[in-house]
Amino acid sequence: MRVLKRKTLLDYWKKNPESKKHLEIWFSILNKESFNSPNEIKQIFGSADFIGENIAIFNIAGNKYRLIARIRYDIQITYIRFIGTHAEYDKLDLTKL
């Protein structure tokens, strides 16, 4: 699966260097796997949650960070929509993703 906007990850870990290793691992896994459904993602990322079929919420670094991505299974592309701390995530309006 191709992850778009890797620069979003780079920008985030420049500001939050402790997140780098964890986000690199997430990116590496997503970038080399193919997923056709939320269930397939759950097999690798057991703590992932989903809003509908195409918005995935990933817990990063033991839930210290949250990453939200829109996933297009049909064309194997993941769009990063948000990266932040759990506290920042709690302030989001998830209906606007």
PDB file of N, CA and C in Angstrom:
ATOM      1  N   MET A   1       0.846  -1.165   0.000  1.00  0.00           N
ATOM      2  CA  MET A   1       0.000   0.000   0.000  1.00  0.00           C
ATOM      3  C   MET A   1       0.895   1.232   0.000  1.00  0.00           C
ATOM      4  N   ARG A   2       0.546   2.188  -0.774  1.00  0.00           N
ATOM      5  CA  ARG A   2       1.337   3.413  -0.874  1.00  0.00           C
ATOM      6  C   ARG A   2       0.817   4.442   0.134  1.00  0.00           C
ATOM      7  N   VAL A   3       1.724   5.008   0.913  1.00  0.00           N
ATOM      8  CA  VAL A   3       1.369   6.022   1.901  1.00  0.00           C
ATOM      9  C   VAL A   3       1.699   7.385   1.313  1.00  0.00           C
ATOM     10  N   LEU A   4       0.674   8.218   1.162  1.00  0.00           N
ATOM     11  CA  LEU A   4       0.891   9.566   0.639  1.00  0.00           C
ATOM     12  C   LEU A   4       1.150  10.541   1.776  1.00  0.00           C
ATOM     13  N   LYS A   5       1.912  11.534   1.441  1.00  0.00           N
ATOM     14  CA  LYS A   5       2.256  12.610   2.366  1.00  0.00           C
ATOM     15  C   LYS A   5       3.224  12.148   3.453  1.00  0.00           C
ATOM     16  N   ARG A   6       4.253  11.409   3.048  1.00  0.00           N
ATOM     17  CA  ARG A   6       5.288  11.017   4.013  1.00  0.00           C
ATOM     18  C   ARG A   6       5.891  12.254   4.676  1.00  0.00           C
ATOM     19  N   LYS A   7       5.854  13.364   3.965  1.00  0.00           N
ATOM     20  CA  LYS A   7       6.363  14.615   4.512  1.00  0.00           C
ATOM     21  C   LYS A   7       5.618  14.993   5.794  1.00  0.00           C
ATOM     22  N   THR A   8       4.361  14.618   5.891  1.00  0.00           N
ATOM     23  CA  THR A   8       3.598  14.860   7.114  1.00  0.00           C
ATOM     24  C   THR A   8       4.272  14.158   8.288  1.00  0.00           C
ATOM     25  N   LEU A   9       4.727  12.927   8.058  1.00  0.00           N
ATOM     26  CA  LEU A   9       5.447  12.189   9.101  1.00  0.00           C
ATOM     27  C   LEU A   9       6.763  12.879   9.436  1.00  0.00           C
ATOM     28  N   LEU A  10       7.509  13.243   8.414  1.00  0.00           N
ATOM     29  CA  LEU A  10       8.806  13.902   8.622  1.00  0.00           C
ATOM     30  C   LEU A  10       8.648  15.196   9.411  1.00  0.00           C
ATOM     31  N   ASP A  11       7.664  15.992   9.031  1.00  0.00           N
ATOM     32  CA  ASP A  11       7.431  17.255   9.734  1.00  0.00           C
ATOM     33  C   ASP A  11       7.057  17.015  11.192  1.00  0.00           C
ATOM     34  N   TYR A  12       6.253  15.980  11.419  1.00  0.00           N
ATOM     35  CA  TYR A  12       5.820  15.704  12.788  1.00  0.00           C
ATOM     36  C   TYR A  12       6.988  15.255  13.661  1.00  0.00           C
ATOM     37  N   TRP A  13       7.805  14.339  13.147  1.00  0.00           N
ATOM     38  CA  TRP A  13       8.877  13.850  14.017  1.00  0.00           C
ATOM     39  C   TRP A  13      10.021  14.841  14.148  1.00  0.00           C
ATOM     40  N   LYS A  14      10.085  15.841  13.283  1.00  0.00           N
ATOM     41  CA  LYS A  14      11.048  16.923  13.518  1.00  0.00           C
ATOM     42  C   LYS A  14      10.658  17.715  14.757  1.00  0.00           C
ATOM     43  N   LYS A  15       9.374  17.913  14.949  1.00  0.00           N
ATOM     44  CA  LYS A  15       8.866  18.632  16.119  1.00  0.00           C
ATOM     45  C   LYS A  15       8.785  17.735  17.351  1.00  0.00           C
ATOM     46  N   ASN A  16       8.644  16.433  17.119  1.00  0.00           N
ATOM     47  CA  ASN A  16       8.482  15.451  18.198  1.00  0.00           C
ATOM     48  C   ASN A  16       9.414  14.272  17.936  1.00  0.00           C
ATOM     49  N   PRO A  17      10.723  14.461  18.168  1.00  0.00           N
ATOM     50  CA  PRO A  17      11.707  13.436  17.803  1.00  0.00           C
ATOM     51  C   PRO A  17      11.465  12.061  18.442  1.00  0.00           C
ATOM     52  N   GLU A  18      10.837  12.030  19.604  1.00  0.00           N
ATOM     53  CA  GLU A  18      10.589  10.744  20.261  1.00  0.00           C
ATOM     54  C   GLU A  18       9.577   9.892  19.495  1.00  0.00           C
ATOM     55  N   SER A  19       8.837  10.500  18.572  1.00  0.00           N
ATOM     56  CA  SER A  19       7.854   9.756  17.787  1.00  0.00           C
ATOM     57  C   SER A  19       8.467   9.106  16.540  1.00  0.00           C
ATOM     58  N   LYS A  20       9.659   9.506  16.169  1.00  0.00           N
ATOM     59  CA  LYS A  20      10.253   9.100  14.886  1.00  0.00           C
ATOM     60  C   LYS A  20      10.298   7.588  14.704  1.00  0.00           C
ATOM     61  N   LYS A  21      10.885   6.883  15.631  1.00  0.00           N
ATOM     62  CA  LYS A  21      11.046   5.431  15.499  1.00  0.00           C
ATOM     63  C   LYS A  21       9.692   4.744  15.314  1.00  0.00           C
ATOM     64  N   HIS A  22       8.716   5.162  16.085  1.00  0.00           N
ATOM     65  CA  HIS A  22       7.394   4.537  16.044  1.00  0.00           C
ATOM     66  C   HIS A  22       6.673   4.836  14.731  1.00  0.00           C
ATOM     67  N   LEU A  23       6.786   6.071  14.246  1.00  0.00           N
ATOM     68  CA  LEU A  23       6.158   6.425  12.978  1.00  0.00           C
ATOM     69  C   LEU A  23       6.871   5.763  11.799  1.00  0.00           C
ATOM     70  N   GLU A  24       8.172   5.601  11.891  1.00  0.00           N
ATOM     71  CA  GLU A  24       8.904   4.889  10.838  1.00  0.00           C
ATOM     72  C   GLU A  24       8.456   3.432  10.746  1.00  0.00           C
ATOM     73  N   ILE A  25       8.236   2.811  11.882  1.00  0.00           N
ATOM     74  CA  ILE A  25       7.762   1.422  11.895  1.00  0.00           C
ATOM     75  C   ILE A  25       6.386   1.334  11.249  1.00  0.00           C
ATOM     76  N   TRP A  26       5.474   2.230  11.651  1.00  0.00           N
ATOM     77  CA  TRP A  26       4.131   2.258  11.068  1.00  0.00           C
ATOM     78  C   TRP A  26       4.221   2.417   9.546  1.00  0.00           C
ATOM     79  N   PHE A  27       5.011   3.399   9.101  1.00  0.00           N
ATOM     80  CA  PHE A  27       5.166   3.665   7.677  1.00  0.00           C
ATOM     81  C   PHE A  27       5.716   2.434   6.946  1.00  0.00           C
ATOM     82  N   SER A  28       6.727   1.829   7.499  1.00  0.00           N
ATOM     83  CA  SER A  28       7.360   0.674   6.871  1.00  0.00           C
ATOM     84  C   SER A  28       6.365  -0.474   6.672  1.00  0.00           C
ATOM     85  N   ILE A  29       5.576  -0.740   7.684  1.00  0.00           N
ATOM     86  CA  ILE A  29       4.596  -1.832   7.585  1.00  0.00           C
ATOM     87  C   ILE A  29       3.537  -1.505   6.546  1.00  0.00           C
ATOM     88  N   LEU A  30       2.953  -0.307   6.642  1.00  0.00           N
ATOM     89  CA  LEU A  30       1.896   0.079   5.694  1.00  0.00           C
ATOM     90  C   LEU A  30       2.420   0.079   4.271  1.00  0.00           C
ATOM     91  N   ASN A  31       3.633   0.558   4.092  1.00  0.00           N
ATOM     92  CA  ASN A  31       4.188   0.729   2.753  1.00  0.00           C
ATOM     93  C   ASN A  31       4.509  -0.599   2.067  1.00  0.00           C
ATOM     94  N   LYS A  32       4.722  -1.661   2.828  1.00  0.00           N
ATOM     95  CA  LYS A  32       5.082  -2.922   2.174  1.00  0.00           C
ATOM     96  C   LYS A  32       3.950  -3.946   2.138  1.00  0.00           C
ATOM     97  N   GLU A  33       2.862  -3.686   2.837  1.00  0.00           N
ATOM     98  CA  GLU A  33       1.734  -4.623   2.856  1.00  0.00           C
ATOM     99  C   GLU A  33       0.637  -4.181   1.900  1.00  0.00           C
ATOM    100  N   SER A  34      -0.215  -5.109   1.549  1.00  0.00           N
ATOM    101  CA  SER A  34      -1.448  -4.809   0.813  1.00  0.00           C
ATOM    102  C   SER A  34      -2.608  -5.151   1.728  1.00  0.00           C
ATOM    103  N   PHE A  35      -3.560  -4.257   1.799  1.00  0.00           N
ATOM    104  CA  PHE A  35      -4.744  -4.473   2.636  1.00  0.00           C
ATOM    105  C   PHE A  35      -5.982  -4.292   1.775  1.00  0.00           C
ATOM    106  N   ASN A  36      -6.951  -5.159   1.972  1.00  0.00           N
ATOM    107  CA  ASN A  36      -8.194  -5.087   1.210  1.00  0.00           C
ATOM    108  C   ASN A  36      -9.413  -4.818   2.082  1.00  0.00           C
ATOM    109  N   SER A  37      -9.198  -4.713   3.394  1.00  0.00           N
ATOM    110  CA  SER A  37     -10.318  -4.469   4.293  1.00  0.00           C
ATOM    111  C   SER A  37      -9.805  -4.060   5.672  1.00  0.00           C
ATOM    112  N   PRO A  38     -10.666  -3.462   6.477  1.00  0.00           N
ATOM    113  CA  PRO A  38     -10.275  -3.144   7.853  1.00  0.00           C
ATOM    114  C   PRO A  38      -9.849  -4.388   8.642  1.00  0.00           C
ATOM    115  N   ASN A  39     -10.477  -5.513   8.380  1.00  0.00           N
ATOM    116  CA  ASN A  39     -10.113  -6.740   9.096  1.00  0.00           C
ATOM    117  C   ASN A  39      -8.660  -7.136   8.848  1.00  0.00           C
ATOM    118  N   GLU A  40      -8.175  -6.921   7.644  1.00  0.00           N
ATOM    119  CA  GLU A  40      -6.784  -7.247   7.337  1.00  0.00           C
ATOM    120  C   GLU A  40      -5.829  -6.306   8.073  1.00  0.00           C
ATOM    121  N   ILE A  41      -6.206  -5.050   8.205  1.00  0.00           N
ATOM    122  CA  ILE A  41      -5.392  -4.111   8.982  1.00  0.00           C
ATOM    123  C   ILE A  41      -5.382  -4.514  10.443  1.00  0.00           C
ATOM    124  N   LYS A  42      -6.540  -4.914  10.969  1.00  0.00           N
ATOM    125  CA  LYS A  42      -6.633  -5.330  12.379  1.00  0.00           C
ATOM    126  C   LYS A  42      -5.745  -6.529  12.677  1.00  0.00           C
ATOM    127  N   GLN A  43      -5.495  -7.363  11.694  1.00  0.00           N
ATOM    128  CA  GLN A  43      -4.633  -8.524  11.917  1.00  0.00           C
ATOM    129  C   GLN A  43      -3.207  -8.105  12.249  1.00  0.00           C
ATOM    130  N   ILE A  44      -2.758  -6.980  11.711  1.00  0.00           N
ATOM    131  CA  ILE A  44      -1.401  -6.492  11.979  1.00  0.00           C
ATOM    132  C   ILE A  44      -1.402  -5.407  13.046  1.00  0.00           C
ATOM    133  N   PHE A  45      -2.365  -4.514  12.972  1.00  0.00           N
ATOM    134  CA  PHE A  45      -2.494  -3.413  13.938  1.00  0.00           C
ATOM    135  C   PHE A  45      -3.740  -3.683  14.783  1.00  0.00           C
ATOM    136  N   GLY A  46      -3.589  -4.542  15.760  1.00  0.00           N
ATOM    137  CA  GLY A  46      -4.726  -5.001  16.552  1.00  0.00           C
ATOM    138  C   GLY A  46      -5.486  -3.910  17.277  1.00  0.00           C
ATOM    139  N   SER A  47      -4.819  -2.816  17.597  1.00  0.00           N
ATOM    140  CA  SER A  47      -5.493  -1.743  18.331  1.00  0.00           C
ATOM    141  C   SER A  47      -6.106  -0.687  17.413  1.00  0.00           C
ATOM    142  N   ALA A  48      -6.014  -0.883  16.099  1.00  0.00           N
ATOM    143  CA  ALA A  48      -6.592   0.093  15.165  1.00  0.00           C
ATOM    144  C   ALA A  48      -8.109   0.119  15.315  1.00  0.00           C
ATOM    145  N   ASP A  49      -8.656   1.326  15.203  1.00  0.00           N
ATOM    146  CA  ASP A  49     -10.096   1.521  15.207  1.00  0.00           C
ATOM    147  C   ASP A  49     -10.494   2.094  13.861  1.00  0.00           C
ATOM    148  N   PHE A  50     -11.770   1.970  13.529  1.00  0.00           N
ATOM    149  CA  PHE A  50     -12.232   2.416  12.224  1.00  0.00           C
ATOM    150  C   PHE A  50     -13.502   3.233  12.342  1.00  0.00           C
ATOM    151  N   ILE A  51     -13.555   4.270  11.518  1.00  0.00           N
ATOM    152  CA  ILE A  51     -14.772   5.051  11.346  1.00  0.00           C
ATOM    153  C   ILE A  51     -15.243   4.718   9.942  1.00  0.00           C
ATOM    154  N   GLY A  52     -16.302   3.988   9.856  1.00  0.00           N
ATOM    155  CA  GLY A  52     -16.743   3.512   8.549  1.00  0.00           C
ATOM    156  C   GLY A  52     -15.735   2.530   7.994  1.00  0.00           C
ATOM    157  N   GLU A  53     -15.735   2.405   6.713  1.00  0.00           N
ATOM    158  CA  GLU A  53     -14.837   1.453   6.057  1.00  0.00           C
ATOM    159  C   GLU A  53     -13.466   2.022   5.749  1.00  0.00           C
ATOM    160  N   ASN A  54     -13.349   3.367   5.655  1.00  0.00           N
ATOM    161  CA  ASN A  54     -12.099   3.873   5.093  1.00  0.00           C
ATOM    162  C   ASN A  54     -11.325   4.856   5.968  1.00  0.00           C
ATOM    163  N   ILE A  55     -11.718   5.080   7.193  1.00  0.00           N
ATOM    164  CA  ILE A  55     -10.925   5.916   8.102  1.00  0.00           C
ATOM    165  C   ILE A  55     -10.392   5.010   9.208  1.00  0.00           C
ATOM    166  N   ALA A  56      -9.071   4.951   9.301  1.00  0.00           N
ATOM    167  CA  ALA A  56      -8.420   4.120  10.323  1.00  0.00           C
ATOM    168  C   ALA A  56      -7.742   5.027  11.344  1.00  0.00           C
ATOM    169  N   ILE A  57      -7.859   4.644  12.597  1.00  0.00           N
ATOM    170  CA  ILE A  57      -7.209   5.359  13.695  1.00  0.00           C
ATOM    171  C   ILE A  57      -6.201   4.391  14.308  1.00  0.00           C
ATOM    172  N   PHE A  58      -4.930   4.767  14.211  1.00  0.00           N
ATOM    173  CA  PHE A  58      -3.852   3.919  14.694  1.00  0.00           C
ATOM    174  C   PHE A  58      -3.289   4.478  15.998  1.00  0.00           C
ATOM    175  N   ASN A  59      -3.073   3.606  16.958  1.00  0.00           N
ATOM    176  CA  ASN A  59      -2.374   3.965  18.189  1.00  0.00           C
ATOM    177  C   ASN A  59      -0.882   3.790  17.930  1.00  0.00           C
ATOM    178  N   ILE A  60      -0.126   4.837  18.184  1.00  0.00           N
ATOM    179  CA  ILE A  60       1.312   4.820  17.928  1.00  0.00           C
ATOM    180  C   ILE A  60       2.043   4.978  19.260  1.00  0.00           C
ATOM    181  N   ALA A  61       3.100   4.212  19.448  1.00  0.00           N
ATOM    182  CA  ALA A  61       3.938   4.289  20.659  1.00  0.00           C
ATOM    183  C   ALA A  61       3.116   4.029  21.913  1.00  0.00           C
ATOM    184  N   GLY A  62       2.397   2.928  21.902  1.00  0.00           N
ATOM    185  CA  GLY A  62       1.619   2.564  23.084  1.00  0.00           C
ATOM    186  C   GLY A  62       0.505   3.553  23.388  1.00  0.00           C
ATOM    187  N   ASN A  63      -0.065   4.139  22.344  1.00  0.00           N
ATOM    188  CA  ASN A  63      -1.182   5.075  22.442  1.00  0.00           C
ATOM    189  C   ASN A  63      -0.762   6.474  22.887  1.00  0.00           C
ATOM    190  N   LYS A  64       0.530   6.765  22.847  1.00  0.00           N
ATOM    191  CA  LYS A  64       0.992   8.122  23.152  1.00  0.00           C
ATOM    192  C   LYS A  64       0.585   9.068  22.024  1.00  0.00           C
ATOM    193  N   TYR A  65       0.581   8.540  20.802  1.00  0.00           N
ATOM    194  CA  TYR A  65       0.209   9.310  19.620  1.00  0.00           C
ATOM    195  C   TYR A  65      -0.937   8.607  18.911  1.00  0.00           C
ATOM    196  N   ARG A  66      -1.668   9.388  18.141  1.00  0.00           N
ATOM    197  CA  ARG A  66      -2.709   8.839  17.282  1.00  0.00           C
ATOM    198  C   ARG A  66      -2.436   9.299  15.860  1.00  0.00           C
ATOM    199  N   LEU A  67      -2.653   8.403  14.931  1.00  0.00           N
ATOM    200  CA  LEU A  67      -2.517   8.708  13.519  1.00  0.00           C
ATOM    201  C   LEU A  67      -3.825   8.305  12.855  1.00  0.00           C
ATOM    202  N   ILE A  68      -4.403   9.232  12.112  1.00  0.00           N
ATOM    203  CA  ILE A  68      -5.646   8.959  11.397  1.00  0.00           C
ATOM    204  C   ILE A  68      -5.333   8.973   9.911  1.00  0.00           C
ATOM    205  N   ALA A  69      -5.833   7.958   9.228  1.00  0.00           N
ATOM    206  CA  ALA A  69      -5.583   7.840   7.791  1.00  0.00           C
ATOM    207  C   ALA A  69      -6.862   7.449   7.061  1.00  0.00           C
ATOM    208  N   ARG A  70      -7.017   8.001   5.880  1.00  0.00           N
ATOM    209  CA  ARG A  70      -8.092   7.580   4.978  1.00  0.00           C
ATOM    210  C   ARG A  70      -7.478   6.534   4.059  1.00  0.00           C
ATOM    211  N   ILE A  71      -8.117   5.393   3.973  1.00  0.00           N
ATOM    212  CA  ILE A  71      -7.550   4.282   3.208  1.00  0.00           C
ATOM    213  C   ILE A  71      -8.437   3.969   2.012  1.00  0.00           C
ATOM    214  N   ARG A  72      -7.811   3.952   0.856  1.00  0.00           N
ATOM    215  CA  ARG A  72      -8.489   3.551  -0.386  1.00  0.00           C
ATOM    216  C   ARG A  72      -7.994   2.155  -0.734  1.00  0.00           C
ATOM    217  N   TYR A  73      -8.761   1.163  -0.315  1.00  0.00           N
ATOM    218  CA  TYR A  73      -8.375  -0.224  -0.556  1.00  0.00           C
ATOM    219  C   TYR A  73      -8.356  -0.540  -2.051  1.00  0.00           C
ATOM    220  N   ASP A  74      -9.265   0.088  -2.809  1.00  0.00           N
ATOM    221  CA  ASP A  74      -9.384  -0.223  -4.232  1.00  0.00           C
ATOM    222  C   ASP A  74      -8.145   0.171  -5.027  1.00  0.00           C
ATOM    223  N   ILE A  75      -7.464   1.240  -4.614  1.00  0.00           N
ATOM    224  CA  ILE A  75      -6.260   1.671  -5.334  1.00  0.00           C
ATOM    225  C   ILE A  75      -4.995   1.575  -4.466  1.00  0.00           C
ATOM    226  N   GLN A  76      -5.143   0.990  -3.258  1.00  0.00           N
ATOM    227  CA  GLN A  76      -4.007   0.720  -2.361  1.00  0.00           C
ATOM    228  C   GLN A  76      -3.234   1.990  -2.000  1.00  0.00           C
ATOM    229  N   ILE A  77      -3.985   3.016  -1.576  1.00  0.00           N
ATOM    230  CA  ILE A  77      -3.367   4.271  -1.152  1.00  0.00           C
ATOM    231  C   ILE A  77      -3.885   4.653   0.228  1.00  0.00           C
ATOM    232  N   THR A  78      -2.967   5.115   1.069  1.00  0.00           N
ATOM    233  CA  THR A  78      -3.289   5.618   2.394  1.00  0.00           C
ATOM    234  C   THR A  78      -2.941   7.100   2.447  1.00  0.00           C
ATOM    235  N   TYR A  79      -3.916   7.908   2.865  1.00  0.00           N
ATOM    236  CA  TYR A  79      -3.715   9.352   3.002  1.00  0.00           C
ATOM    237  C   TYR A  79      -3.653   9.687   4.488  1.00  0.00           C
ATOM    238  N   ILE A  80      -2.573  10.234   4.936  1.00  0.00           N
ATOM    239  CA  ILE A  80      -2.456  10.635   6.341  1.00  0.00           C
ATOM    240  C   ILE A  80      -3.280  11.899   6.542  1.00  0.00           C
ATOM    241  N   ARG A  81      -4.201  11.852   7.498  1.00  0.00           N
ATOM    242  CA  ARG A  81      -5.087  12.983   7.770  1.00  0.00           C
ATOM    243  C   ARG A  81      -4.714  13.733   9.049  1.00  0.00           C
ATOM    244  N   PHE A  82      -4.110  13.014  10.017  1.00  0.00           N
ATOM    245  CA  PHE A  82      -3.799  13.634  11.308  1.00  0.00           C
ATOM    246  C   PHE A  82      -2.745  12.801  12.010  1.00  0.00           C
ATOM    247  N   ILE A  83      -1.820  13.486  12.676  1.00  0.00           N
ATOM    248  CA  ILE A  83      -0.900  12.867  13.626  1.00  0.00           C
ATOM    249  C   ILE A  83      -0.854  13.811  14.816  1.00  0.00           C
ATOM    250  N   GLY A  84      -0.972  13.254  15.992  1.00  0.00           N
ATOM    251  CA  GLY A  84      -0.886  14.089  17.183  1.00  0.00           C
ATOM    252  C   GLY A  84      -0.877  13.253  18.442  1.00  0.00           C
ATOM    253  N   THR A  85      -0.761  13.941  19.551  1.00  0.00           N
ATOM    254  CA  THR A  85      -0.808  13.258  20.837  1.00  0.00           C
ATOM    255  C   THR A  85      -2.233  12.796  21.096  1.00  0.00           C
ATOM    256  N   HIS A  86      -2.367  11.941  22.069  1.00  0.00           N
ATOM    257  CA  HIS A  86      -3.697  11.468  22.436  1.00  0.00           C
ATOM    258  C   HIS A  86      -4.566  12.650  22.870  1.00  0.00           C
ATOM    259  N   ALA A  87      -3.991  13.594  23.600  1.00  0.00           N
ATOM    260  CA  ALA A  87      -4.735  14.776  24.055  1.00  0.00           C
ATOM    261  C   ALA A  87      -5.203  15.618  22.866  1.00  0.00           C
ATOM    262  N   GLU A  88      -4.348  15.783  21.860  1.00  0.00           N
ATOM    263  CA  GLU A  88      -4.741  16.536  20.660  1.00  0.00           C
ATOM    264  C   GLU A  88      -5.848  15.807  19.907  1.00  0.00           C
ATOM    265  N   TYR A  89      -5.738  14.496  19.840  1.00  0.00           N
ATOM    266  CA  TYR A  89      -6.757  13.675  19.187  1.00  0.00           C
ATOM    267  C   TYR A  89      -8.114  13.851  19.870  1.00  0.00           C
ATOM    268  N   ASP A  90      -8.102  13.890  21.184  1.00  0.00           N
ATOM    269  CA  ASP A  90      -9.354  14.019  21.935  1.00  0.00           C
ATOM    270  C   ASP A  90     -10.104  15.305  21.604  1.00  0.00           C
ATOM    271  N   LYS A  91      -9.424  16.309  21.088  1.00  0.00           N
ATOM    272  CA  LYS A  91     -10.049  17.596  20.746  1.00  0.00           C
ATOM    273  C   LYS A  91     -10.606  17.623  19.321  1.00  0.00           C
ATOM    274  N   LEU A  92     -10.326  16.587  18.531  1.00  0.00           N
ATOM    275  CA  LEU A  92     -10.752  16.559  17.133  1.00  0.00           C
ATOM    276  C   LEU A  92     -12.249  16.332  16.994  1.00  0.00           C
ATOM    277  N   ASP A  93     -12.799  16.893  15.936  1.00  0.00           N
ATOM    278  CA  ASP A  93     -14.158  16.573  15.510  1.00  0.00           C
ATOM    279  C   ASP A  93     -14.019  15.523  14.404  1.00  0.00           C
ATOM    280  N   LEU A  94     -14.215  14.270  14.757  1.00  0.00           N
ATOM    281  CA  LEU A  94     -13.991  13.170  13.821  1.00  0.00           C
ATOM    282  C   LEU A  94     -14.971  13.178  12.651  1.00  0.00           C
ATOM    283  N   THR A  95     -16.059  13.916  12.776  1.00  0.00           N
ATOM    284  CA  THR A  95     -17.012  13.966  11.671  1.00  0.00           C
ATOM    285  C   THR A  95     -16.486  14.809  10.511  1.00  0.00           C
ATOM    286  N   LYS A  96     -15.425  15.568  10.737  1.00  0.00           N
ATOM    287  CA  LYS A  96     -14.873  16.440   9.689  1.00  0.00           C
ATOM    288  C   LYS A  96     -13.661  15.845   8.993  1.00  0.00           C
ATOM    289  N   LEU A  97     -13.450  14.565   9.156  1.00  0.00           N
ATOM    290  CA  LEU A  97     -12.338  13.903   8.475  1.00  0.00           C
ATOM    291  C   LEU A  97     -12.812  13.473   7.122  1.00  0.00           C
TER     292      LEU A  97
END
